[in-house]
Amino acid sequence: MKSRVLIVDDEALLVRTLTQAFRDAGYEVRATGSAEDADQILDEGIPFDLLLLDNRLPGKSGVELLASRAARPARRLVLMTAYDTDDIQQRSTDLGVDLYLRKPFDLGRLLSQVSELLEKGAET
């Protein structure tokens, strides 16, 4: 069974690039450009193995989305940001984020890190 990934970022080009890269790597992918849409998708009850989430989104931020969810929204959480601050790093750690990425990042390395995260999660 393919691992399911939800990508949330308001940069359309990045979403297309990530979606294609994850599909090419064998993942089942859904994508959206806002935290509000991500909330609706997550409320559908589909279990996601990975949530790849930008922090700076229109409306609610990625950190706010994670904080507002009563349950962990995916087995593994990755937060991306181009606006790195100690506060965002600390809040993401407090919310259980597995991987914190600063944009721009290396796509090949991200895919490798995600693969390791998901394999590690399957063992526990």
N, C-alpha and C. Protein backbone atom coordinates (compact mmCIF):
# COMPACT_ATOMS: atom_id res chain seq x y z
N MET A 1 0.83 -1.18 0.00
CA MET A 1 0.00 0.00 0.00
C MET A 1 0.88 1.25 0.00
N LYS A 2 0.50 2.21 -0.81
CA LYS A 2 1.26 3.45 -0.90
C LYS A 2 1.05 4.30 0.34
N SER A 3 2.11 4.97 0.77
CA SER A 3 1.99 5.94 1.86
C SER A 3 1.26 7.16 1.34
N ARG A 4 0.40 7.72 2.19
CA ARG A 4 -0.39 8.90 1.81
C ARG A 4 0.26 10.16 2.36
N VAL A 5 0.37 11.17 1.48
CA VAL A 5 0.98 12.45 1.83
C VAL A 5 0.00 13.57 1.55
N LEU A 6 -0.11 14.49 2.50
CA LEU A 6 -0.87 15.72 2.29
C LEU A 6 0.12 16.87 2.28
N ILE A 7 0.14 17.61 1.18
CA ILE A 7 1.03 18.76 1.02
C ILE A 7 0.19 20.02 1.15
N VAL A 8 0.64 20.95 2.01
CA VAL A 8 -0.08 22.20 2.22
C VAL A 8 0.91 23.35 2.06
N ASP A 9 0.76 24.10 0.96
CA ASP A 9 1.63 25.25 0.70
C ASP A 9 0.90 26.15 -0.27
N ASP A 10 1.03 27.46 -0.10
CA ASP A 10 0.35 28.40 -0.99
C ASP A 10 1.17 28.78 -2.22
N GLU A 11 2.37 28.26 -2.35
CA GLU A 11 3.19 28.50 -3.54
C GLU A 11 2.88 27.42 -4.57
N ALA A 12 2.11 27.79 -5.60
CA ALA A 12 1.61 26.81 -6.57
C ALA A 12 2.73 26.03 -7.24
N LEU A 13 3.81 26.68 -7.62
CA LEU A 13 4.91 25.99 -8.29
C LEU A 13 5.55 24.95 -7.36
N LEU A 14 5.74 25.31 -6.10
CA LEU A 14 6.31 24.36 -5.14
C LEU A 14 5.37 23.18 -4.93
N VAL A 15 4.08 23.45 -4.84
CA VAL A 15 3.11 22.36 -4.67
C VAL A 15 3.17 21.41 -5.85
N ARG A 16 3.20 21.94 -7.07
CA ARG A 16 3.29 21.07 -8.26
C ARG A 16 4.57 20.26 -8.25
N THR A 17 5.68 20.91 -7.89
CA THR A 17 6.97 20.21 -7.86
C THR A 17 6.97 19.11 -6.81
N LEU A 18 6.51 19.43 -5.61
CA LEU A 18 6.47 18.42 -4.53
C LEU A 18 5.50 17.28 -4.87
N THR A 19 4.34 17.64 -5.39
CA THR A 19 3.36 16.62 -5.76
C THR A 19 3.94 15.65 -6.77
N GLN A 20 4.56 16.16 -7.81
CA GLN A 20 5.13 15.29 -8.84
C GLN A 20 6.27 14.44 -8.27
N ALA A 21 7.13 15.04 -7.48
CA ALA A 21 8.26 14.31 -6.90
C ALA A 21 7.78 13.18 -5.99
N PHE A 22 6.79 13.45 -5.15
CA PHE A 22 6.29 12.41 -4.25
C PHE A 22 5.55 11.33 -5.03
N ARG A 23 4.78 11.72 -6.04
CA ARG A 23 4.11 10.70 -6.87
C ARG A 23 5.13 9.83 -7.59
N ASP A 24 6.15 10.47 -8.16
CA ASP A 24 7.21 9.71 -8.84
C ASP A 24 7.91 8.75 -7.89
N ALA A 25 7.97 9.11 -6.61
CA ALA A 25 8.62 8.26 -5.60
C ALA A 25 7.66 7.19 -5.06
N GLY A 26 6.43 7.16 -5.58
CA GLY A 26 5.50 6.10 -5.20
C GLY A 26 4.50 6.42 -4.11
N TYR A 27 4.37 7.69 -3.76
CA TYR A 27 3.42 8.10 -2.73
C TYR A 27 2.08 8.48 -3.35
N GLU A 28 1.01 8.32 -2.58
CA GLU A 28 -0.30 8.83 -2.95
C GLU A 28 -0.37 10.24 -2.37
N VAL A 29 -0.68 11.24 -3.20
CA VAL A 29 -0.57 12.64 -2.79
C VAL A 29 -1.87 13.40 -2.95
N ARG A 30 -2.19 14.19 -1.94
CA ARG A 30 -3.20 15.24 -2.04
C ARG A 30 -2.51 16.54 -1.68
N ALA A 31 -2.99 17.63 -2.27
CA ALA A 31 -2.35 18.91 -2.02
C ALA A 31 -3.39 20.02 -1.97
N THR A 32 -3.06 21.05 -1.19
CA THR A 32 -3.92 22.22 -1.08
C THR A 32 -3.06 23.44 -0.75
N GLY A 33 -3.65 24.62 -0.90
CA GLY A 33 -2.91 25.85 -0.69
C GLY A 33 -3.24 26.62 0.56
N SER A 34 -4.09 26.05 1.44
CA SER A 34 -4.44 26.79 2.66
C SER A 34 -4.66 25.84 3.83
N ALA A 35 -4.49 26.38 5.03
CA ALA A 35 -4.72 25.61 6.25
C ALA A 35 -6.19 25.25 6.39
N GLU A 36 -7.07 26.15 5.96
CA GLU A 36 -8.50 25.89 6.05
C GLU A 36 -8.89 24.69 5.18
N ASP A 37 -8.37 24.64 3.95
CA ASP A 37 -8.64 23.50 3.07
C ASP A 37 -8.03 22.22 3.65
N ALA A 38 -6.84 22.35 4.23
CA ALA A 38 -6.19 21.19 4.86
C ALA A 38 -7.05 20.66 6.01
N ASP A 39 -7.63 21.56 6.80
CA ASP A 39 -8.53 21.16 7.88
C ASP A 39 -9.69 20.33 7.33
N GLN A 40 -10.28 20.79 6.23
CA GLN A 40 -11.41 20.06 5.63
C GLN A 40 -10.98 18.68 5.14
N ILE A 41 -9.81 18.60 4.51
CA ILE A 41 -9.31 17.32 4.03
C ILE A 41 -9.06 16.39 5.21
N LEU A 42 -8.42 16.90 6.24
CA LEU A 42 -8.13 16.08 7.43
C LEU A 42 -9.41 15.63 8.12
N ASP A 43 -10.45 16.46 8.07
CA ASP A 43 -11.73 16.10 8.69
C ASP A 43 -12.45 14.97 7.94
N GLU A 44 -12.02 14.68 6.71
CA GLU A 44 -12.61 13.58 5.95
C GLU A 44 -12.27 12.23 6.57
N GLY A 45 -11.27 12.22 7.45
CA GLY A 45 -10.92 10.98 8.14
C GLY A 45 -9.96 10.07 7.40
N ILE A 46 -9.41 10.54 6.29
CA ILE A 46 -8.42 9.76 5.55
C ILE A 46 -7.13 9.76 6.36
N PRO A 47 -6.58 8.60 6.66
CA PRO A 47 -5.32 8.58 7.42
C PRO A 47 -4.13 8.94 6.53
N PHE A 48 -3.43 9.99 6.90
CA PHE A 48 -2.23 10.38 6.15
C PHE A 48 -1.00 9.92 6.92
N ASP A 49 -0.04 9.42 6.17
CA ASP A 49 1.23 9.01 6.76
C ASP A 49 2.13 10.21 6.99
N LEU A 50 1.97 11.24 6.14
CA LEU A 50 2.83 12.42 6.22
C LEU A 50 2.03 13.67 5.92
N LEU A 51 2.21 14.68 6.75
CA LEU A 51 1.69 16.02 6.48
C LEU A 51 2.90 16.90 6.26
N LEU A 52 3.03 17.43 5.03
CA LEU A 52 4.11 18.33 4.66
C LEU A 52 3.50 19.71 4.58
N LEU A 53 3.83 20.56 5.55
CA LEU A 53 3.08 21.78 5.81
C LEU A 53 3.97 23.01 5.84
N ASP A 54 3.58 24.01 5.05
CA ASP A 54 4.26 25.30 5.11
C ASP A 54 3.75 26.04 6.34
N ASN A 55 4.59 26.83 6.97
CA ASN A 55 4.12 27.58 8.13
C ASN A 55 3.38 28.85 7.74
N ARG A 56 3.91 29.58 6.78
CA ARG A 56 3.29 30.85 6.42
C ARG A 56 2.27 30.62 5.30
N LEU A 57 1.00 30.62 5.70
CA LEU A 57 -0.11 30.40 4.78
C LEU A 57 -1.10 31.54 4.92
N PRO A 58 -1.94 31.75 3.91
CA PRO A 58 -2.99 32.76 4.08
C PRO A 58 -3.96 32.32 5.18
N GLY A 59 -4.36 33.25 6.01
CA GLY A 59 -5.26 32.90 7.12
C GLY A 59 -4.47 32.29 8.26
N LYS A 60 -4.73 31.05 8.57
CA LYS A 60 -4.10 30.34 9.69
C LYS A 60 -2.72 29.81 9.26
N SER A 61 -1.73 29.92 10.15
CA SER A 61 -0.38 29.41 9.86
C SER A 61 -0.35 27.89 10.04
N GLY A 62 0.72 27.28 9.57
CA GLY A 62 0.90 25.85 9.76
C GLY A 62 0.96 25.46 11.22
N VAL A 63 1.66 26.25 12.02
CA VAL A 63 1.75 25.99 13.45
C VAL A 63 0.37 26.11 14.08
N GLU A 64 -0.41 27.11 13.67
CA GLU A 64 -1.77 27.26 14.20
C GLU A 64 -2.65 26.08 13.80
N LEU A 65 -2.48 25.59 12.58
CA LEU A 65 -3.24 24.41 12.14
C LEU A 65 -2.94 23.22 13.04
N LEU A 66 -1.66 22.97 13.28
CA LEU A 66 -1.28 21.84 14.13
C LEU A 66 -1.81 22.02 15.55
N ALA A 67 -1.71 23.24 16.07
CA ALA A 67 -2.15 23.50 17.44
C ALA A 67 -3.67 23.35 17.58
N SER A 68 -4.40 23.59 16.52
CA SER A 68 -5.86 23.54 16.59
C SER A 68 -6.43 22.13 16.46
N ARG A 69 -5.62 21.19 16.01
CA ARG A 69 -6.11 19.82 15.82
C ARG A 69 -6.10 19.09 17.16
N ALA A 70 -7.21 18.46 17.49
CA ALA A 70 -7.30 17.73 18.76
C ALA A 70 -6.40 16.50 18.75
N ALA A 71 -6.26 15.89 17.60
CA ALA A 71 -5.41 14.70 17.46
C ALA A 71 -4.32 14.98 16.44
N ARG A 72 -3.27 14.19 16.51
CA ARG A 72 -2.18 14.34 15.54
C ARG A 72 -2.75 14.10 14.14
N PRO A 73 -2.55 15.05 13.21
CA PRO A 73 -3.20 14.95 11.90
C PRO A 73 -2.57 13.94 10.94
N ALA A 74 -1.39 13.45 11.25
CA ALA A 74 -0.72 12.47 10.39
C ALA A 74 0.31 11.74 11.23
N ARG A 75 0.74 10.59 10.74
CA ARG A 75 1.72 9.80 11.48
C ARG A 75 3.04 10.55 11.62
N ARG A 76 3.44 11.27 10.58
CA ARG A 76 4.67 12.08 10.59
C ARG A 76 4.35 13.49 10.13
N LEU A 77 5.00 14.48 10.75
CA LEU A 77 4.77 15.90 10.47
C LEU A 77 6.06 16.56 10.03
N VAL A 78 5.98 17.30 8.92
CA VAL A 78 7.11 18.08 8.43
C VAL A 78 6.63 19.52 8.25
N LEU A 79 7.32 20.46 8.88
CA LEU A 79 6.98 21.87 8.77
C LEU A 79 8.07 22.56 7.95
N MET A 80 7.64 23.31 6.92
CA MET A 80 8.56 24.06 6.07
C MET A 80 8.35 25.55 6.32
N THR A 81 9.43 26.31 6.25
CA THR A 81 9.29 27.76 6.37
C THR A 81 10.47 28.47 5.72
N ALA A 82 10.16 29.60 5.12
CA ALA A 82 11.20 30.49 4.60
C ALA A 82 11.49 31.60 5.61
N TYR A 83 10.69 31.64 6.67
CA TYR A 83 10.78 32.69 7.68
C TYR A 83 11.10 32.06 9.02
N ASP A 84 12.31 31.60 9.16
CA ASP A 84 12.76 30.85 10.32
C ASP A 84 12.93 31.76 11.54
N THR A 85 12.34 31.35 12.65
CA THR A 85 12.56 32.04 13.92
C THR A 85 12.67 30.99 15.02
N ASP A 86 13.29 31.37 16.11
CA ASP A 86 13.40 30.45 17.25
C ASP A 86 12.01 30.07 17.78
N ASP A 87 11.08 31.03 17.74
CA ASP A 87 9.73 30.78 18.24
C ASP A 87 9.04 29.70 17.40
N ILE A 88 9.15 29.79 16.08
CA ILE A 88 8.52 28.80 15.21
C ILE A 88 9.16 27.43 15.44
N GLN A 89 10.48 27.40 15.55
CA GLN A 89 11.16 26.13 15.81
C GLN A 89 10.69 25.51 17.12
N GLN A 90 10.60 26.32 18.17
CA GLN A 90 10.19 25.81 19.47
C GLN A 90 8.74 25.32 19.45
N ARG A 91 7.85 26.12 18.85
CA ARG A 91 6.44 25.71 18.78
C ARG A 91 6.29 24.43 17.96
N SER A 92 7.05 24.31 16.87
CA SER A 92 6.94 23.09 16.06
C SER A 92 7.42 21.87 16.85
N THR A 93 8.48 22.04 17.62
CA THR A 93 8.96 20.95 18.48
C THR A 93 7.91 20.59 19.52
N ASP A 94 7.32 21.59 20.14
CA ASP A 94 6.28 21.36 21.15
C ASP A 94 5.07 20.64 20.57
N LEU A 95 4.80 20.86 19.28
CA LEU A 95 3.64 20.24 18.63
C LEU A 95 3.96 18.88 18.01
N GLY A 96 5.19 18.41 18.20
CA GLY A 96 5.55 17.08 17.73
C GLY A 96 5.99 16.98 16.28
N VAL A 97 6.44 18.09 15.71
CA VAL A 97 6.92 18.06 14.33
C VAL A 97 8.17 17.19 14.25
N ASP A 98 8.18 16.28 13.29
CA ASP A 98 9.28 15.34 13.13
C ASP A 98 10.47 15.93 12.38
N LEU A 99 10.18 16.85 11.46
CA LEU A 99 11.25 17.44 10.65
C LEU A 99 10.89 18.89 10.38
N TYR A 100 11.84 19.78 10.65
CA TYR A 100 11.67 21.22 10.45
C TYR A 100 12.60 21.62 9.31
N LEU A 101 12.02 22.13 8.22
CA LEU A 101 12.81 22.48 7.03
C LEU A 101 12.80 23.98 6.78
N ARG A 102 13.97 24.49 6.47
CA ARG A 102 14.08 25.88 6.04
C ARG A 102 14.09 25.90 4.51
N LYS A 103 13.24 26.75 3.93
CA LYS A 103 13.22 26.92 2.48
C LYS A 103 14.35 27.87 2.10
N PRO A 104 14.98 27.68 0.98
CA PRO A 104 14.83 26.56 0.06
C PRO A 104 15.53 25.31 0.62
N PHE A 105 15.09 24.15 0.18
CA PHE A 105 15.67 22.90 0.63
C PHE A 105 15.93 22.01 -0.59
N ASP A 106 16.74 21.00 -0.38
CA ASP A 106 17.07 20.05 -1.44
C ASP A 106 15.97 19.00 -1.52
N LEU A 107 15.33 18.89 -2.67
CA LEU A 107 14.21 17.98 -2.85
C LEU A 107 14.61 16.52 -2.67
N GLY A 108 15.74 16.14 -3.22
CA GLY A 108 16.22 14.77 -3.06
C GLY A 108 16.46 14.42 -1.61
N ARG A 109 17.04 15.35 -0.89
CA ARG A 109 17.29 15.11 0.55
C ARG A 109 15.97 15.01 1.31
N LEU A 110 14.99 15.86 0.97
CA LEU A 110 13.68 15.78 1.61
C LEU A 110 13.06 14.40 1.40
N LEU A 111 13.08 13.91 0.17
CA LEU A 111 12.49 12.60 -0.12
C LEU A 111 13.19 11.51 0.68
N SER A 112 14.49 11.61 0.80
CA SER A 112 15.25 10.64 1.59
C SER A 112 14.88 10.72 3.07
N GLN A 113 14.79 11.93 3.59
CA GLN A 113 14.43 12.12 5.01
C GLN A 113 13.01 11.61 5.29
N VAL A 114 12.09 11.87 4.36
CA VAL A 114 10.72 11.40 4.54
C VAL A 114 10.68 9.88 4.52
N SER A 115 11.41 9.27 3.61
CA SER A 115 11.46 7.81 3.54
C SER A 115 11.96 7.23 4.87
N GLU A 116 13.01 7.82 5.41
CA GLU A 116 13.54 7.37 6.70
C GLU A 116 12.53 7.56 7.83
N LEU A 117 11.85 8.71 7.85
CA LEU A 117 10.84 8.98 8.87
C LEU A 117 9.72 7.94 8.83
N LEU A 118 9.25 7.65 7.62
CA LEU A 118 8.14 6.72 7.49
C LEU A 118 8.56 5.29 7.81
N GLU A 119 9.78 4.93 7.44
CA GLU A 119 10.28 3.60 7.79
C GLU A 119 10.44 3.47 9.31
N LYS A 120 10.97 4.52 9.93
CA LYS A 120 11.14 4.54 11.38
C LYS A 120 9.79 4.42 12.07
N GLY A 121 8.79 5.10 11.54
CA GLY A 121 7.45 5.06 12.10
C GLY A 121 6.80 3.71 11.97
N ALA A 122 7.14 2.98 10.92
CA ALA A 122 6.57 1.65 10.71
C ALA A 122 7.11 0.65 11.70
N GLU A 123 8.30 0.92 12.22
CA GLU A 123 8.94 0.00 13.18
C GLU A 123 8.38 0.14 14.58
N THR A 124 7.79 1.30 14.89
CA THR A 124 7.30 1.53 16.25
C THR A 124 5.84 1.22 16.40
